[in-house]
PDB file of N, CA and C in Angstrom:
ATOM      1  N   MET A   1      81.549 -28.826 225.673  1.00  0.00           N
ATOM      2  CA  MET A   1      81.928 -29.486 224.360  1.00  0.00           C
ATOM      3  C   MET A   1      83.638 -29.798 223.918  1.00  0.00           C
ATOM      4  N   PRO A   2      83.506 -30.801 223.588  1.00  0.00           N
ATOM      5  CA  PRO A   2      85.086 -30.811 223.643  1.00  0.00           C
ATOM      6  C   PRO A   2      86.315 -30.016 223.126  1.00  0.00           C
ATOM      7  N   SER A   3      85.216 -29.399 221.868  1.00  0.00           N
ATOM      8  CA  SER A   3      86.654 -28.112 221.528  1.00  0.00           C
ATOM      9  C   SER A   3      87.241 -27.335 221.623  1.00  0.00           C
ATOM     10  N   THR A   4      85.713 -27.046 223.034  1.00  0.00           N
ATOM     11  CA  THR A   4      86.355 -26.026 223.892  1.00  0.00           C
ATOM     12  C   THR A   4      87.732 -26.439 225.234  1.00  0.00           C
ATOM     13  N   VAL A   5      87.420 -27.730 225.254  1.00  0.00           N
ATOM     14  CA  VAL A   5      88.362 -28.348 226.023  1.00  0.00           C
ATOM     15  C   VAL A   5      89.863 -28.355 225.205  1.00  0.00           C
ATOM     16  N   ALA A   6      89.640 -28.676 224.554  1.00  0.00           N
ATOM     17  CA  ALA A   6      91.254 -28.870 223.520  1.00  0.00           C
ATOM     18  C   ALA A   6      91.469 -27.420 223.565  1.00  0.00           C
ATOM     19  N   SER A   7      90.921 -26.368 222.573  1.00  0.00           N
ATOM     20  CA  SER A   7      91.058 -24.858 222.418  1.00  0.00           C
ATOM     21  C   SER A   7      91.701 -24.616 223.793  1.00  0.00           C
ATOM     22  N   THR A   8      91.140 -24.995 225.239  1.00  0.00           N
ATOM     23  CA  THR A   8      91.733 -24.506 226.266  1.00  0.00           C
ATOM     24  C   THR A   8      93.178 -25.106 226.783  1.00  0.00           C
ATOM     25  N   GLU A   9      93.260 -26.763 226.207  1.00  0.00           N
ATOM     26  CA  GLU A   9      94.503 -26.938 226.881  1.00  0.00           C
ATOM     27  C   GLU A   9      95.538 -26.509 225.595  1.00  0.00           C
ATOM     28  N   ALA A  10      95.085 -26.229 224.324  1.00  0.00           N
ATOM     29  CA  ALA A  10      96.166 -25.985 223.160  1.00  0.00           C
ATOM     30  C   ALA A  10      96.151 -24.459 223.916  1.00  0.00           C
ATOM     31  N   GLU A  11      95.652 -23.331 224.306  1.00  0.00           N
ATOM     32  CA  GLU A  11      96.061 -22.230 225.139  1.00  0.00           C
ATOM     33  C   GLU A  11      97.321 -22.673 226.427  1.00  0.00           C
ATOM     34  N   MET A  12      96.836 -23.070 227.219  1.00  0.00           N
ATOM     35  CA  MET A  12      97.736 -23.837 228.310  1.00  0.00           C
ATOM     36  C   MET A  12      98.962 -23.853 227.558  1.00  0.00           C
ATOM     37  N   ARG A  13      99.315 -24.681 227.043  1.00  0.00           N
ATOM     38  CA  ARG A  13     100.562 -25.510 226.422  1.00  0.00           C
ATOM     39  C   ARG A  13     101.372 -24.115 225.669  1.00  0.00           C
ATOM     40  N   ALA A  14     100.498 -23.172 225.178  1.00  0.00           N
ATOM     41  CA  ALA A  14     101.032 -22.065 223.752  1.00  0.00           C
ATOM     42  C   ALA A  14     101.577 -21.183 225.334  1.00  0.00           C
ATOM     43  N   ALA A  15     100.881 -20.951 226.522  1.00  0.00           N
ATOM     44  CA  ALA A  15     101.494 -20.163 227.560  1.00  0.00           C
ATOM     45  C   ALA A  15     101.821 -20.643 228.539  1.00  0.00           C
ATOM     46  N   LEU A  16     102.805 -22.301 228.858  1.00  0.00           N
ATOM     47  CA  LEU A  16     103.547 -22.882 229.448  1.00  0.00           C
ATOM     48  C   LEU A  16     104.995 -21.629 229.758  1.00  0.00           C
ATOM     49  N   PRO A  17     105.630 -21.250 228.472  1.00  0.00           N
ATOM     50  CA  PRO A  17     106.856 -20.377 228.866  1.00  0.00           C
ATOM     51  C   PRO A  17     106.403 -19.282 229.720  1.00  0.00           C
ATOM     52  N   SER A  18     105.345 -18.618 229.729  1.00  0.00           N
ATOM     53  CA  SER A  18     104.903 -17.530 230.610  1.00  0.00           C
ATOM     54  C   SER A  18     105.153 -17.931 232.082  1.00  0.00           C
ATOM     55  N   TRP A  19     104.523 -19.469 232.144  1.00  0.00           N
ATOM     56  CA  TRP A  19     104.354 -19.934 232.996  1.00  0.00           C
ATOM     57  C   TRP A  19     105.679 -20.187 233.669  1.00  0.00           C
ATOM     58  N   ASP A  20     106.852 -20.904 233.022  1.00  0.00           N
ATOM     59  CA  ASP A  20     107.976 -20.756 233.488  1.00  0.00           C
ATOM     60  C   ASP A  20     108.561 -19.605 234.372  1.00  0.00           C
ATOM     61  N   ARG A  21     108.176 -18.603 233.672  1.00  0.00           N
ATOM     62  CA  ARG A  21     108.731 -17.003 234.028  1.00  0.00           C
ATOM     63  C   ARG A  21     107.842 -16.664 235.499  1.00  0.00           C
ATOM     64  N   VAL A  22     107.070 -17.139 235.272  1.00  0.00           N
ATOM     65  CA  VAL A  22     106.261 -16.633 236.899  1.00  0.00           C
ATOM     66  C   VAL A  22     106.528 -17.604 237.624  1.00  0.00           C
ATOM     67  N   ALA A  23     107.027 -19.204 237.640  1.00  0.00           N
ATOM     68  CA  ALA A  23     107.300 -20.084 238.456  1.00  0.00           C
ATOM     69  C   ALA A  23     108.927 -19.732 238.567  1.00  0.00           C
ATOM     70  N   GLY A  24     109.703 -19.346 238.259  1.00  0.00           N
ATOM     71  CA  GLY A  24     110.611 -18.904 238.209  1.00  0.00           C
ATOM     72  C   GLY A  24     111.474 -16.891 239.205  1.00  0.00           C
ATOM     73  N   ASN A  25     110.147 -16.926 239.100  1.00  0.00           N
ATOM     74  CA  ASN A  25     109.818 -15.319 239.748  1.00  0.00           C
ATOM     75  C   ASN A  25     108.872 -15.489 240.867  1.00  0.00           C
ATOM     76  N   TRP A  26     108.935 -16.408 241.374  1.00  0.00           N
ATOM     77  CA  TRP A  26     107.056 -16.479 242.075  1.00  0.00           C
ATOM     78  C   TRP A  26     107.127 -15.923 243.239  1.00  0.00           C
ATOM     79  N   ASN A  27     107.807 -15.096 244.015  1.00  0.00           N
ATOM     80  CA  ASN A  27     107.851 -13.829 245.157  1.00  0.00           C
ATOM     81  C   ASN A  27     107.421 -12.661 243.763  1.00  0.00           C
ATOM     82  N   GLN A  28     107.987 -12.256 243.120  1.00  0.00           N
ATOM     83  CA  GLN A  28     107.254 -11.575 242.450  1.00  0.00           C
ATOM     84  C   GLN A  28     106.012 -11.473 241.483  1.00  0.00           C
ATOM     85  N   PHE A  29     105.715 -12.415 240.742  1.00  0.00           N
ATOM     86  CA  PHE A  29     104.239 -12.855 240.688  1.00  0.00           C
ATOM     87  C   PHE A  29     103.048 -13.180 241.835  1.00  0.00           C
ATOM     88  N   ALA A  30     103.532 -13.642 242.601  1.00  0.00           N
ATOM     89  CA  ALA A  30     102.291 -14.134 243.866  1.00  0.00           C
ATOM     90  C   ALA A  30     101.490 -12.872 244.131  1.00  0.00           C
ATOM     91  N   GLY A  31     102.016 -11.731 244.062  1.00  0.00           N
ATOM     92  CA  GLY A  31     101.366 -10.484 244.535  1.00  0.00           C
ATOM     93  C   GLY A  31     100.441 -10.362 243.430  1.00  0.00           C
ATOM     94  N   LYS A  32     100.971 -10.330 242.245  1.00  0.00           N
ATOM     95  CA  LYS A  32      99.771 -10.330 240.996  1.00  0.00           C
ATOM     96  C   LYS A  32      98.829 -11.207 240.886  1.00  0.00           C
ATOM     97  N   ILE A  33      99.216 -12.408 241.174  1.00  0.00           N
ATOM     98  CA  ILE A  33      98.373 -13.804 241.622  1.00  0.00           C
ATOM     99  C   ILE A  33      97.093 -13.242 242.347  1.00  0.00           C
ATOM    100  N   LYS A  34      97.556 -12.272 243.798  1.00  0.00           N
ATOM    101  CA  LYS A  34      96.825 -12.336 245.058  1.00  0.00           C
ATOM    102  C   LYS A  34      95.910 -11.517 244.358  1.00  0.00           C
ATOM    103  N   GLU A  35      96.272 -10.116 243.302  1.00  0.00           N
ATOM    104  CA  GLU A  35      95.508  -8.933 243.172  1.00  0.00           C
ATOM    105  C   GLU A  35      94.336  -9.710 242.470  1.00  0.00           C
ATOM    106  N   ARG A  36      94.482 -10.871 241.408  1.00  0.00           N
ATOM    107  CA  ARG A  36      93.917 -11.606 240.433  1.00  0.00           C
ATOM    108  C   ARG A  36      92.702 -12.214 241.363  1.00  0.00           C
ATOM    109  N   TRP A  37      93.144 -13.249 242.207  1.00  0.00           N
ATOM    110  CA  TRP A  37      92.300 -14.147 242.895  1.00  0.00           C
ATOM    111  C   TRP A  37      92.508 -13.800 244.486  1.00  0.00           C
ATOM    112  N   GLY A  38      91.648 -12.445 244.601  1.00  0.00           N
ATOM    113  CA  GLY A  38      92.144 -12.152 246.080  1.00  0.00           C
ATOM    114  C   GLY A  38      91.570 -12.873 247.248  1.00  0.00           C
ATOM    115  N   GLU A  39      90.741 -14.139 247.461  1.00  0.00           N
ATOM    116  CA  GLU A  39      90.596 -14.919 247.765  1.00  0.00           C
ATOM    117  C   GLU A  39      91.747 -15.439 248.657  1.00  0.00           C
ATOM    118  N   LEU A  40      92.948 -16.262 247.801  1.00  0.00           N
ATOM    119  CA  LEU A  40      93.919 -16.534 247.865  1.00  0.00           C
ATOM    120  C   LEU A  40      94.654 -16.114 249.182  1.00  0.00           C
ATOM    121  N   THR A  41      95.246 -17.016 249.982  1.00  0.00           N
ATOM    122  CA  THR A  41      95.550 -16.393 250.963  1.00  0.00           C
ATOM    123  C   THR A  41      96.909 -16.480 251.232  1.00  0.00           C
ATOM    124  N   HIS A  42      97.839 -16.176 251.771  1.00  0.00           N
ATOM    125  CA  HIS A  42      99.326 -15.967 251.997  1.00  0.00           C
ATOM    126  C   HIS A  42      99.622 -17.533 251.930  1.00  0.00           C
ATOM    127  N   ASP A  43      99.259 -17.993 253.000  1.00  0.00           N
ATOM    128  CA  ASP A  43      99.291 -19.527 253.336  1.00  0.00           C
ATOM    129  C   ASP A  43      98.982 -20.252 251.745  1.00  0.00           C
ATOM    130  N   ASP A  44      98.165 -20.010 251.056  1.00  0.00           N
ATOM    131  CA  ASP A  44      97.601 -20.667 249.892  1.00  0.00           C
ATOM    132  C   ASP A  44      98.961 -20.415 248.895  1.00  0.00           C
ATOM    133  N   LEU A  45      99.460 -19.380 248.521  1.00  0.00           N
ATOM    134  CA  LEU A  45     100.423 -18.641 248.114  1.00  0.00           C
ATOM    135  C   LEU A  45     101.578 -19.457 248.302  1.00  0.00           C
ATOM    136  N   ALA A  46     102.064 -20.070 249.398  1.00  0.00           N
ATOM    137  CA  ALA A  46     103.767 -20.421 249.938  1.00  0.00           C
ATOM    138  C   ALA A  46     102.920 -21.640 249.278  1.00  0.00           C
ATOM    139  N   ILE A  47     101.974 -22.606 249.386  1.00  0.00           N
ATOM    140  CA  ILE A  47     101.389 -23.818 249.517  1.00  0.00           C
ATOM    141  C   ILE A  47     101.892 -24.044 248.062  1.00  0.00           C
ATOM    142  N   ILE A  48     101.296 -22.921 247.071  1.00  0.00           N
ATOM    143  CA  ILE A  48     101.476 -22.923 245.555  1.00  0.00           C
ATOM    144  C   ILE A  48     103.188 -23.368 245.299  1.00  0.00           C
ATOM    145  N   ASP A  49     103.789 -22.070 245.698  1.00  0.00           N
ATOM    146  CA  ASP A  49     105.029 -22.126 245.286  1.00  0.00           C
ATOM    147  C   ASP A  49     105.645 -22.447 243.531  1.00  0.00           C
ATOM    148  N   GLY A  50     104.623 -21.528 243.002  1.00  0.00           N
ATOM    149  CA  GLY A  50     105.239 -21.417 242.071  1.00  0.00           C
ATOM    150  C   GLY A  50     104.757 -22.719 240.622  1.00  0.00           C
ATOM    151  N   HIS A  51     103.958 -23.554 241.270  1.00  0.00           N
ATOM    152  CA  HIS A  51     103.359 -24.917 240.889  1.00  0.00           C
ATOM    153  C   HIS A  51     102.131 -24.285 240.017  1.00  0.00           C
ATOM    154  N   HIS A  52     101.865 -24.336 238.666  1.00  0.00           N
ATOM    155  CA  HIS A  52     100.901 -24.320 238.238  1.00  0.00           C
ATOM    156  C   HIS A  52      99.733 -25.146 238.332  1.00  0.00           C
ATOM    157  N   GLN A  53      99.663 -26.183 238.310  1.00  0.00           N
ATOM    158  CA  GLN A  53      98.406 -27.363 238.568  1.00  0.00           C
ATOM    159  C   GLN A  53      97.994 -27.016 240.114  1.00  0.00           C
ATOM    160  N   ARG A  54      98.898 -26.526 241.367  1.00  0.00           N
ATOM    161  CA  ARG A  54      98.958 -26.141 242.872  1.00  0.00           C
ATOM    162  C   ARG A  54      97.822 -25.021 242.600  1.00  0.00           C
ATOM    163  N   LEU A  55      98.185 -24.096 241.965  1.00  0.00           N
ATOM    164  CA  LEU A  55      97.390 -22.656 241.768  1.00  0.00           C
ATOM    165  C   LEU A  55      96.046 -22.959 241.028  1.00  0.00           C
ATOM    166  N   ILE A  56      95.906 -23.718 240.046  1.00  0.00           N
ATOM    167  CA  ILE A  56      94.451 -24.198 239.767  1.00  0.00           C
ATOM    168  C   ILE A  56      93.603 -25.239 240.617  1.00  0.00           C
ATOM    169  N   GLY A  57      94.189 -25.951 241.399  1.00  0.00           N
ATOM    170  CA  GLY A  57      92.984 -26.036 242.280  1.00  0.00           C
ATOM    171  C   GLY A  57      93.136 -25.362 243.661  1.00  0.00           C
ATOM    172  N   LYS A  58      94.070 -24.649 244.140  1.00  0.00           N
ATOM    173  CA  LYS A  58      93.922 -23.547 244.612  1.00  0.00           C
ATOM    174  C   LYS A  58      92.129 -22.526 244.200  1.00  0.00           C
ATOM    175  N   ILE A  59      92.363 -22.461 243.226  1.00  0.00           N
ATOM    176  CA  ILE A  59      91.419 -21.843 242.297  1.00  0.00           C
ATOM    177  C   ILE A  59      89.958 -21.678 242.684  1.00  0.00           C
ATOM    178  N   GLN A  60      90.132 -23.170 242.182  1.00  0.00           N
ATOM    179  CA  GLN A  60      89.014 -24.667 242.483  1.00  0.00           C
ATOM    180  C   GLN A  60      88.049 -24.432 243.935  1.00  0.00           C
ATOM    181  N   GLU A  61      89.251 -24.582 244.486  1.00  0.00           N
ATOM    182  CA  GLU A  61      88.531 -25.020 245.810  1.00  0.00           C
ATOM    183  C   GLU A  61      88.148 -23.810 246.588  1.00  0.00           C
ATOM    184  N   HIS A  62      88.910 -22.237 246.573  1.00  0.00           N
ATOM    185  CA  HIS A  62      88.215 -21.136 247.213  1.00  0.00           C
ATOM    186  C   HIS A  62      87.082 -20.462 246.012  1.00  0.00           C
ATOM    187  N   TYR A  63      87.170 -20.914 244.976  1.00  0.00           N
ATOM    188  CA  TYR A  63      85.853 -20.114 244.229  1.00  0.00           C
ATOM    189  C   TYR A  63      84.668 -21.280 243.918  1.00  0.00           C
ATOM    190  N   GLY A  64      85.150 -22.514 244.195  1.00  0.00           N
ATOM    191  CA  GLY A  64      84.200 -23.477 243.232  1.00  0.00           C
ATOM    192  C   GLY A  64      83.569 -23.304 241.916  1.00  0.00           C
ATOM    193  N   ILE A  65      84.296 -23.643 241.186  1.00  0.00           N
ATOM    194  CA  ILE A  65      84.428 -23.801 240.241  1.00  0.00           C
ATOM    195  C   ILE A  65      84.976 -25.439 239.813  1.00  0.00           C
ATOM    196  N   ILE A  66      84.620 -25.566 238.799  1.00  0.00           N
ATOM    197  CA  ILE A  66      85.289 -27.110 237.794  1.00  0.00           C
ATOM    198  C   ILE A  66      87.016 -26.584 237.471  1.00  0.00           C
ATOM    199  N   HIS A  67      87.871 -27.811 237.033  1.00  0.00           N
ATOM    200  CA  HIS A  67      88.948 -27.357 237.170  1.00  0.00           C
ATOM    201  C   HIS A  67      89.256 -26.946 235.321  1.00  0.00           C
ATOM    202  N   GLU A  68      88.517 -26.917 234.670  1.00  0.00           N
ATOM    203  CA  GLU A  68      88.632 -26.668 233.080  1.00  0.00           C
ATOM    204  C   GLU A  68      88.237 -25.090 233.409  1.00  0.00           C
ATOM    205  N   GLN A  69      87.494 -24.731 234.447  1.00  0.00           N
ATOM    206  CA  GLN A  69      87.227 -22.730 234.400  1.00  0.00           C
ATOM    207  C   GLN A  69      88.422 -22.303 234.989  1.00  0.00           C
ATOM    208  N   ALA A  70      89.138 -23.173 236.208  1.00  0.00           N
ATOM    209  CA  ALA A  70      90.197 -22.326 236.746  1.00  0.00           C
ATOM    210  C   ALA A  70      91.256 -22.728 235.767  1.00  0.00           C
ATOM    211  N   GLU A  71      91.634 -23.356 234.629  1.00  0.00           N
ATOM    212  CA  GLU A  71      92.454 -23.569 233.907  1.00  0.00           C
ATOM    213  C   GLU A  71      92.667 -22.489 233.244  1.00  0.00           C
ATOM    214  N   VAL A  72      91.380 -22.003 232.625  1.00  0.00           N
ATOM    215  CA  VAL A  72      90.862 -20.803 231.453  1.00  0.00           C
ATOM    216  C   VAL A  72      91.088 -19.673 232.254  1.00  0.00           C
ATOM    217  N   GLN A  73      90.519 -19.494 233.705  1.00  0.00           N
ATOM    218  CA  GLN A  73      91.080 -18.211 233.801  1.00  0.00           C
ATOM    219  C   GLN A  73      92.905 -18.170 234.607  1.00  0.00           C
ATOM    220  N   VAL A  74      93.251 -19.021 234.534  1.00  0.00           N
ATOM    221  CA  VAL A  74      95.246 -18.776 234.679  1.00  0.00           C
ATOM    222  C   VAL A  74      95.338 -18.414 233.205  1.00  0.00           C
ATOM    223  N   ALA A  75      94.686 -19.543 231.945  1.00  0.00           N
ATOM    224  CA  ALA A  75      95.094 -19.646 230.627  1.00  0.00           C
ATOM    225  C   ALA A  75      94.885 -17.322 230.173  1.00  0.00           C
ATOM    226  N   GLU A  76      93.992 -17.498 230.541  1.00  0.00           N
ATOM    227  CA  GLU A  76      93.826 -15.798 230.504  1.00  0.00           C
ATOM    228  C   GLU A  76      94.734 -14.800 231.191  1.00  0.00           C
ATOM    229  N   TRP A  77      94.840 -14.683 232.046  1.00  0.00           N
ATOM    230  CA  TRP A  77      95.870 -14.306 233.196  1.00  0.00           C
ATOM    231  C   TRP A  77      97.145 -14.101 232.668  1.00  0.00           C
ATOM    232  N   LEU A  78      97.762 -15.824 232.084  1.00  0.00           N
ATOM    233  CA  LEU A  78      98.809 -15.381 231.667  1.00  0.00           C
ATOM    234  C   LEU A  78      99.093 -14.561 230.287  1.00  0.00           C
ATOM    235  N   LYS A  79      97.567 -14.710 229.397  1.00  0.00           N
ATOM    236  CA  LYS A  79      97.791 -13.927 227.979  1.00  0.00           C
ATOM    237  C   LYS A  79      97.877 -12.756 228.259  1.00  0.00           C
ATOM    238  N   GLY A  80      97.265 -12.110 229.629  1.00  0.00           N
ATOM    239  CA  GLY A  80      97.205 -10.683 229.884  1.00  0.00           C
ATOM    240  C   GLY A  80      98.535 -10.371 230.037  1.00  0.00           C
ATOM    241  N   LEU A  81      99.447 -11.241 230.856  1.00  0.00           N
ATOM    242  CA  LEU A  81     100.858 -10.811 231.169  1.00  0.00           C
ATOM    243  C   LEU A  81     101.425 -10.615 230.120  1.00  0.00           C
ATOM    244  N   GLU A  82     101.589 -11.652 229.041  1.00  0.00           N
ATOM    245  CA  GLU A  82     101.972 -11.974 227.741  1.00  0.00           C
ATOM    246  C   GLU A  82     102.103 -10.427 227.245  1.00  0.00           C
ATOM    247  N   SER A  83     100.223  -9.882 227.093  1.00  0.00           N
ATOM    248  CA  SER A  83     100.086  -9.049 226.275  1.00  0.00           C
ATOM    249  C   SER A  83     100.937  -7.333 227.132  1.00  0.00           C
ATOM    250  N   ALA A  84     100.604  -7.312 228.479  1.00  0.00           N
ATOM    251  CA  ALA A  84     101.330  -6.454 228.816  1.00  0.00           C
ATOM    252  C   ALA A  84     102.918  -6.088 229.195  1.00  0.00           C
ATOM    253  N   ASP A  85     103.322  -7.541 228.604  1.00  0.00           N
ATOM    254  CA  ASP A  85     104.859  -7.259 228.412  1.00  0.00           C
ATOM    255  C   ASP A  85     104.908  -6.723 226.934  1.00  0.00           C
ATOM    256  N   GLY A  86     103.872  -7.298 225.872  1.00  0.00           N
ATOM    257  CA  GLY A  86     104.351  -6.769 224.887  1.00  0.00           C
ATOM    258  C   GLY A  86     104.636  -7.940 224.158  1.00  0.00           C
ATOM    259  N   GLY A  87     104.385  -9.467 224.778  1.00  0.00           N
ATOM    260  CA  GLY A  87     105.367 -10.114 224.478  1.00  0.00           C
ATOM    261  C   GLY A  87     104.358 -10.979 223.829  1.00  0.00           C
TER     262      GLY A  87
END
């Protein structure tokens, strides 16, 4: 349903400042990403190198899910980071 995709896009836009923090501290967050998506390899993390869409693509590739599902997973993960930081 389009409203689900629209809300997902809105959530992602709201989470972008968090992604900027992830990208800026990629080495720190790469380990957390590996914990969340254990099928990603160290080579995958090197290719992703802080790029949001590359992460989504690698999640799709390794987990056999559609783009929107990968976006939701990343948005939820980012939301969890913000909650853990109290932000």
